[in-house]
Amino acid sequence: MTPTNTLPPEDTSPPKRQQAVAIAYDGNDAAPRVVAKGYGPIADNIVRTARDNGLYVHESTELVGLLMQVDLDAQIPPQLYTAVATLLAWLYRLESRSPDDLGAIDSPHPTV
């Protein structure tokens, strides 16, 4: 019997499209709103615009996937309040700390 080289099976699943969602919270609203969302180049533009304006970009595939289902300019659904509130509370703590304290703030892990 002759040994053969075996390669792992080729991944035939479609490539994952990059997606991004921007949310905004105004204290006058009952809940944060989805203010931008998109795939591919639009997602890249959302992330670039956020970073260019000094906004925090959080990467959570699960949360983005759920927020992509929310209509543009709609408030997030109550089912996502806890996950988004965890993220917003972490950002508030991050923004209220001095640059010397930033290393002590753990990354948020919202439960989705």
N, C-alpha and C. Protein backbone atom coordinates (compact mmCIF):
# COMPACT_ATOMS: atom_id res chain seq x y z
N MET A 1 0.85 -1.17 0.00
CA MET A 1 0.00 0.00 0.00
C MET A 1 0.90 1.24 0.00
N THR A 2 0.59 2.19 -0.85
CA THR A 2 1.37 3.41 -0.97
C THR A 2 0.71 4.52 -0.17
N PRO A 3 1.49 5.19 0.71
CA PRO A 3 0.89 6.30 1.46
C PRO A 3 0.51 7.44 0.50
N THR A 4 -0.53 8.11 0.82
CA THR A 4 -0.96 9.25 0.01
C THR A 4 -1.00 10.50 0.88
N ASN A 5 -0.78 11.61 0.25
CA ASN A 5 -0.95 12.88 0.96
C ASN A 5 -2.42 13.18 1.06
N THR A 6 -2.87 13.42 2.24
CA THR A 6 -4.27 13.80 2.39
C THR A 6 -4.33 15.23 2.89
N LEU A 7 -5.13 15.98 2.24
CA LEU A 7 -5.34 17.38 2.61
C LEU A 7 -6.67 17.50 3.32
N PRO A 8 -6.78 18.46 4.22
CA PRO A 8 -8.09 18.65 4.85
C PRO A 8 -9.12 19.01 3.79
N PRO A 9 -10.37 18.65 4.04
CA PRO A 9 -11.40 18.99 3.05
C PRO A 9 -11.45 20.49 2.83
N GLU A 10 -11.66 20.85 1.60
CA GLU A 10 -11.73 22.27 1.24
C GLU A 10 -13.01 22.86 1.80
N ASP A 11 -12.90 24.04 2.37
CA ASP A 11 -14.07 24.73 2.91
C ASP A 11 -14.89 25.26 1.74
N THR A 12 -16.08 24.72 1.58
CA THR A 12 -16.93 25.15 0.47
C THR A 12 -18.03 26.10 0.91
N SER A 13 -18.01 26.47 2.20
CA SER A 13 -19.03 27.40 2.66
C SER A 13 -18.76 28.78 2.06
N PRO A 14 -19.82 29.55 1.84
CA PRO A 14 -19.60 30.88 1.27
C PRO A 14 -18.80 31.74 2.24
N PRO A 15 -17.98 32.64 1.73
CA PRO A 15 -17.18 33.48 2.63
C PRO A 15 -18.09 34.37 3.47
N LYS A 16 -17.68 34.58 4.71
CA LYS A 16 -18.46 35.45 5.59
C LYS A 16 -18.28 36.88 5.15
N ARG A 17 -19.38 37.56 5.02
CA ARG A 17 -19.31 38.98 4.66
C ARG A 17 -19.08 39.77 5.93
N GLN A 18 -18.17 40.74 5.88
CA GLN A 18 -17.99 41.61 7.03
C GLN A 18 -19.25 42.45 7.15
N GLN A 19 -19.68 42.61 8.37
CA GLN A 19 -20.85 43.44 8.62
C GLN A 19 -20.58 44.33 9.82
N ALA A 20 -21.26 45.44 9.85
CA ALA A 20 -21.09 46.39 10.96
C ALA A 20 -22.42 47.07 11.24
N VAL A 21 -22.60 47.39 12.50
CA VAL A 21 -23.79 48.11 12.95
C VAL A 21 -23.33 49.23 13.86
N ALA A 22 -23.90 50.40 13.67
CA ALA A 22 -23.63 51.52 14.58
C ALA A 22 -24.90 51.79 15.36
N ILE A 23 -24.73 51.94 16.68
CA ILE A 23 -25.88 52.29 17.51
C ILE A 23 -25.57 53.62 18.20
N ALA A 24 -26.62 54.33 18.51
CA ALA A 24 -26.48 55.60 19.22
C ALA A 24 -27.52 55.63 20.32
N TYR A 25 -27.14 56.26 21.41
CA TYR A 25 -28.09 56.40 22.52
C TYR A 25 -28.14 57.85 22.95
N ASP A 26 -29.31 58.41 22.87
CA ASP A 26 -29.58 59.76 23.34
C ASP A 26 -30.42 59.58 24.60
N GLY A 27 -30.06 60.24 25.66
CA GLY A 27 -30.78 60.09 26.92
C GLY A 27 -32.27 60.35 26.81
N ASN A 28 -32.70 60.99 25.73
CA ASN A 28 -34.13 61.26 25.53
C ASN A 28 -34.86 60.06 24.95
N ASP A 29 -34.12 59.09 24.39
CA ASP A 29 -34.75 57.90 23.80
C ASP A 29 -34.93 56.83 24.88
N ALA A 30 -35.92 55.98 24.67
CA ALA A 30 -36.16 54.89 25.61
C ALA A 30 -35.08 53.82 25.49
N ALA A 31 -34.48 53.69 24.31
CA ALA A 31 -33.46 52.65 24.08
C ALA A 31 -32.53 53.12 22.96
N PRO A 32 -31.34 52.53 22.89
CA PRO A 32 -30.44 52.86 21.78
C PRO A 32 -31.08 52.55 20.42
N ARG A 33 -30.64 53.27 19.42
CA ARG A 33 -31.15 53.09 18.05
C ARG A 33 -30.05 52.59 17.14
N VAL A 34 -30.45 51.84 16.12
CA VAL A 34 -29.53 51.43 15.06
C VAL A 34 -29.47 52.59 14.08
N VAL A 35 -28.30 53.22 13.96
CA VAL A 35 -28.20 54.41 13.13
C VAL A 35 -27.46 54.15 11.81
N ALA A 36 -26.79 53.00 11.71
CA ALA A 36 -26.13 52.62 10.46
C ALA A 36 -25.89 51.12 10.51
N LYS A 37 -25.97 50.48 9.34
CA LYS A 37 -25.65 49.06 9.26
C LYS A 37 -25.37 48.71 7.81
N GLY A 38 -24.55 47.70 7.61
CA GLY A 38 -24.26 47.31 6.25
C GLY A 38 -23.22 46.20 6.18
N TYR A 39 -23.00 45.73 4.97
CA TYR A 39 -22.07 44.64 4.67
C TYR A 39 -20.92 45.16 3.80
N GLY A 40 -19.81 44.43 3.81
CA GLY A 40 -18.70 44.70 2.91
C GLY A 40 -18.19 46.12 2.98
N PRO A 41 -18.14 46.82 1.83
CA PRO A 41 -17.61 48.18 1.80
C PRO A 41 -18.37 49.15 2.71
N ILE A 42 -19.67 48.93 2.85
CA ILE A 42 -20.46 49.80 3.74
C ILE A 42 -20.04 49.56 5.18
N ALA A 43 -19.84 48.30 5.55
CA ALA A 43 -19.37 47.96 6.90
C ALA A 43 -18.00 48.59 7.14
N ASP A 44 -17.12 48.48 6.16
CA ASP A 44 -15.79 49.09 6.29
C ASP A 44 -15.90 50.60 6.52
N ASN A 45 -16.81 51.24 5.80
CA ASN A 45 -17.01 52.68 5.94
C ASN A 45 -17.56 53.04 7.33
N ILE A 46 -18.47 52.22 7.84
CA ILE A 46 -19.03 52.46 9.18
C ILE A 46 -17.92 52.42 10.22
N VAL A 47 -17.09 51.38 10.14
CA VAL A 47 -15.99 51.21 11.11
C VAL A 47 -14.97 52.34 10.97
N ARG A 48 -14.61 52.66 9.74
CA ARG A 48 -13.63 53.73 9.50
C ARG A 48 -14.15 55.08 10.00
N THR A 49 -15.41 55.37 9.72
CA THR A 49 -16.00 56.63 10.16
C THR A 49 -16.03 56.71 11.69
N ALA A 50 -16.39 55.62 12.33
CA ALA A 50 -16.41 55.59 13.80
C ALA A 50 -15.01 55.87 14.35
N ARG A 51 -14.03 55.17 13.83
CA ARG A 51 -12.65 55.36 14.33
C ARG A 51 -12.14 56.77 14.03
N ASP A 52 -12.44 57.29 12.84
CA ASP A 52 -12.01 58.64 12.48
C ASP A 52 -12.60 59.69 13.42
N ASN A 53 -13.75 59.38 14.00
CA ASN A 53 -14.42 60.33 14.90
C ASN A 53 -14.18 59.99 16.37
N GLY A 54 -13.21 59.12 16.62
CA GLY A 54 -12.85 58.80 18.00
C GLY A 54 -13.85 57.95 18.74
N LEU A 55 -14.70 57.24 18.01
CA LEU A 55 -15.69 56.38 18.65
C LEU A 55 -15.13 54.97 18.84
N TYR A 56 -15.57 54.32 19.88
CA TYR A 56 -15.11 52.97 20.16
C TYR A 56 -15.77 51.97 19.21
N VAL A 57 -15.00 51.03 18.72
CA VAL A 57 -15.52 49.97 17.85
C VAL A 57 -15.37 48.65 18.61
N HIS A 58 -16.48 48.05 18.94
CA HIS A 58 -16.50 46.77 19.66
C HIS A 58 -16.81 45.66 18.67
N GLU A 59 -16.04 44.60 18.72
CA GLU A 59 -16.25 43.48 17.80
C GLU A 59 -16.93 42.34 18.53
N SER A 60 -18.15 42.08 18.15
CA SER A 60 -18.93 40.96 18.68
C SER A 60 -19.79 40.43 17.55
N THR A 61 -19.34 39.35 16.95
CA THR A 61 -20.05 38.77 15.81
C THR A 61 -21.50 38.47 16.15
N GLU A 62 -21.72 37.92 17.34
CA GLU A 62 -23.07 37.53 17.74
C GLU A 62 -23.98 38.75 17.89
N LEU A 63 -23.47 39.77 18.57
CA LEU A 63 -24.29 40.97 18.79
C LEU A 63 -24.55 41.69 17.48
N VAL A 64 -23.54 41.80 16.63
CA VAL A 64 -23.73 42.45 15.33
C VAL A 64 -24.77 41.68 14.51
N GLY A 65 -24.69 40.35 14.53
CA GLY A 65 -25.66 39.54 13.79
C GLY A 65 -27.09 39.81 14.23
N LEU A 66 -27.28 39.95 15.53
CA LEU A 66 -28.62 40.25 16.05
C LEU A 66 -29.05 41.67 15.71
N LEU A 67 -28.13 42.62 15.84
CA LEU A 67 -28.47 44.02 15.55
C LEU A 67 -28.72 44.25 14.06
N MET A 68 -28.12 43.43 13.19
CA MET A 68 -28.37 43.56 11.75
C MET A 68 -29.84 43.29 11.42
N GLN A 69 -30.53 42.58 12.30
CA GLN A 69 -31.94 42.26 12.06
C GLN A 69 -32.88 43.41 12.46
N VAL A 70 -32.33 44.41 13.14
CA VAL A 70 -33.13 45.56 13.58
C VAL A 70 -33.19 46.57 12.44
N ASP A 71 -34.37 47.11 12.19
CA ASP A 71 -34.52 48.10 11.13
C ASP A 71 -33.68 49.34 11.42
N LEU A 72 -33.22 49.97 10.35
CA LEU A 72 -32.46 51.20 10.47
C LEU A 72 -33.32 52.27 11.14
N ASP A 73 -32.75 53.00 12.08
CA ASP A 73 -33.37 54.05 12.87
C ASP A 73 -34.40 53.52 13.86
N ALA A 74 -34.44 52.21 14.07
CA ALA A 74 -35.35 51.62 15.06
C ALA A 74 -34.60 51.42 16.37
N GLN A 75 -35.34 51.48 17.45
CA GLN A 75 -34.74 51.19 18.75
C GLN A 75 -34.46 49.69 18.85
N ILE A 76 -33.41 49.37 19.60
CA ILE A 76 -33.09 47.95 19.76
C ILE A 76 -34.23 47.28 20.52
N PRO A 77 -34.48 45.99 20.28
CA PRO A 77 -35.57 45.30 20.97
C PRO A 77 -35.20 45.01 22.43
N PRO A 78 -36.20 44.87 23.27
CA PRO A 78 -35.95 44.59 24.69
C PRO A 78 -35.06 43.37 24.93
N GLN A 79 -35.09 42.39 24.04
CA GLN A 79 -34.29 41.19 24.21
C GLN A 79 -32.79 41.50 24.19
N LEU A 80 -32.40 42.65 23.60
CA LEU A 80 -30.99 43.01 23.51
C LEU A 80 -30.58 44.07 24.53
N TYR A 81 -31.51 44.52 25.37
CA TYR A 81 -31.20 45.56 26.34
C TYR A 81 -30.01 45.19 27.22
N THR A 82 -30.02 43.99 27.78
CA THR A 82 -28.96 43.61 28.71
C THR A 82 -27.60 43.61 28.03
N ALA A 83 -27.51 43.02 26.84
CA ALA A 83 -26.23 42.96 26.14
C ALA A 83 -25.72 44.36 25.79
N VAL A 84 -26.60 45.20 25.28
CA VAL A 84 -26.19 46.55 24.89
C VAL A 84 -25.93 47.41 26.13
N ALA A 85 -26.71 47.24 27.18
CA ALA A 85 -26.49 48.00 28.41
C ALA A 85 -25.14 47.65 29.03
N THR A 86 -24.75 46.38 28.97
CA THR A 86 -23.44 45.96 29.48
C THR A 86 -22.33 46.67 28.71
N LEU A 87 -22.47 46.71 27.40
CA LEU A 87 -21.49 47.37 26.55
C LEU A 87 -21.45 48.88 26.82
N LEU A 88 -22.61 49.51 26.90
CA LEU A 88 -22.66 50.95 27.15
C LEU A 88 -22.11 51.31 28.54
N ALA A 89 -22.39 50.48 29.54
CA ALA A 89 -21.85 50.74 30.88
C ALA A 89 -20.33 50.64 30.88
N TRP A 90 -19.81 49.66 30.16
CA TRP A 90 -18.36 49.51 30.04
C TRP A 90 -17.75 50.73 29.35
N LEU A 91 -18.39 51.20 28.28
CA LEU A 91 -17.88 52.38 27.57
C LEU A 91 -17.93 53.62 28.47
N TYR A 92 -18.97 53.75 29.26
CA TYR A 92 -19.08 54.88 30.17
C TYR A 92 -17.92 54.87 31.17
N ARG A 93 -17.64 53.68 31.74
CA ARG A 93 -16.52 53.55 32.67
C ARG A 93 -15.20 53.86 31.97
N LEU A 94 -15.06 53.38 30.74
CA LEU A 94 -13.85 53.61 29.96
C LEU A 94 -13.62 55.10 29.73
N GLU A 95 -14.68 55.80 29.34
CA GLU A 95 -14.57 57.23 29.04
C GLU A 95 -14.37 58.09 30.29
N SER A 96 -14.79 57.60 31.44
CA SER A 96 -14.67 58.40 32.66
C SER A 96 -13.35 58.19 33.38
N ARG A 97 -12.53 57.26 32.91
CA ARG A 97 -11.23 56.98 33.52
C ARG A 97 -10.14 57.82 32.90
N SER A 98 -9.09 58.01 33.67
CA SER A 98 -7.93 58.71 33.13
C SER A 98 -7.12 57.73 32.28
N PRO A 99 -6.28 58.22 31.38
CA PRO A 99 -5.47 57.32 30.54
C PRO A 99 -4.63 56.34 31.36
N ASP A 100 -4.20 56.71 32.57
CA ASP A 100 -3.41 55.82 33.41
C ASP A 100 -4.22 54.65 33.95
N ASP A 101 -5.54 54.81 34.05
CA ASP A 101 -6.40 53.77 34.61
C ASP A 101 -6.90 52.77 33.56
N LEU A 102 -6.70 53.04 32.29
CA LEU A 102 -7.33 52.25 31.24
C LEU A 102 -6.93 50.78 31.27
N GLY A 103 -5.72 50.47 31.66
CA GLY A 103 -5.30 49.07 31.70
C GLY A 103 -6.09 48.24 32.69
N ALA A 104 -6.71 48.88 33.67
CA ALA A 104 -7.43 48.16 34.71
C ALA A 104 -8.87 47.84 34.33
N ILE A 105 -9.33 48.28 33.18
CA ILE A 105 -10.72 48.06 32.78
C ILE A 105 -10.78 46.84 31.87
N ASP A 106 -11.50 45.83 32.31
CA ASP A 106 -11.64 44.62 31.49
C ASP A 106 -12.58 44.88 30.33
N SER A 107 -12.36 44.15 29.26
CA SER A 107 -13.23 44.23 28.10
C SER A 107 -14.62 43.70 28.45
N PRO A 108 -15.67 44.28 27.88
CA PRO A 108 -17.02 43.80 28.18
C PRO A 108 -17.26 42.46 27.49
N HIS A 109 -18.05 41.66 28.12
CA HIS A 109 -18.46 40.39 27.54
C HIS A 109 -19.96 40.28 27.64
N PRO A 110 -20.69 41.04 26.82
CA PRO A 110 -22.14 41.00 26.92
C PRO A 110 -22.67 39.63 26.57
N THR A 111 -23.63 39.19 27.33
CA THR A 111 -24.28 37.92 27.05
C THR A 111 -25.38 38.18 26.04
N VAL A 112 -25.31 37.48 24.93
CA VAL A 112 -26.29 37.69 23.87
C VAL A 112 -27.25 36.55 23.84
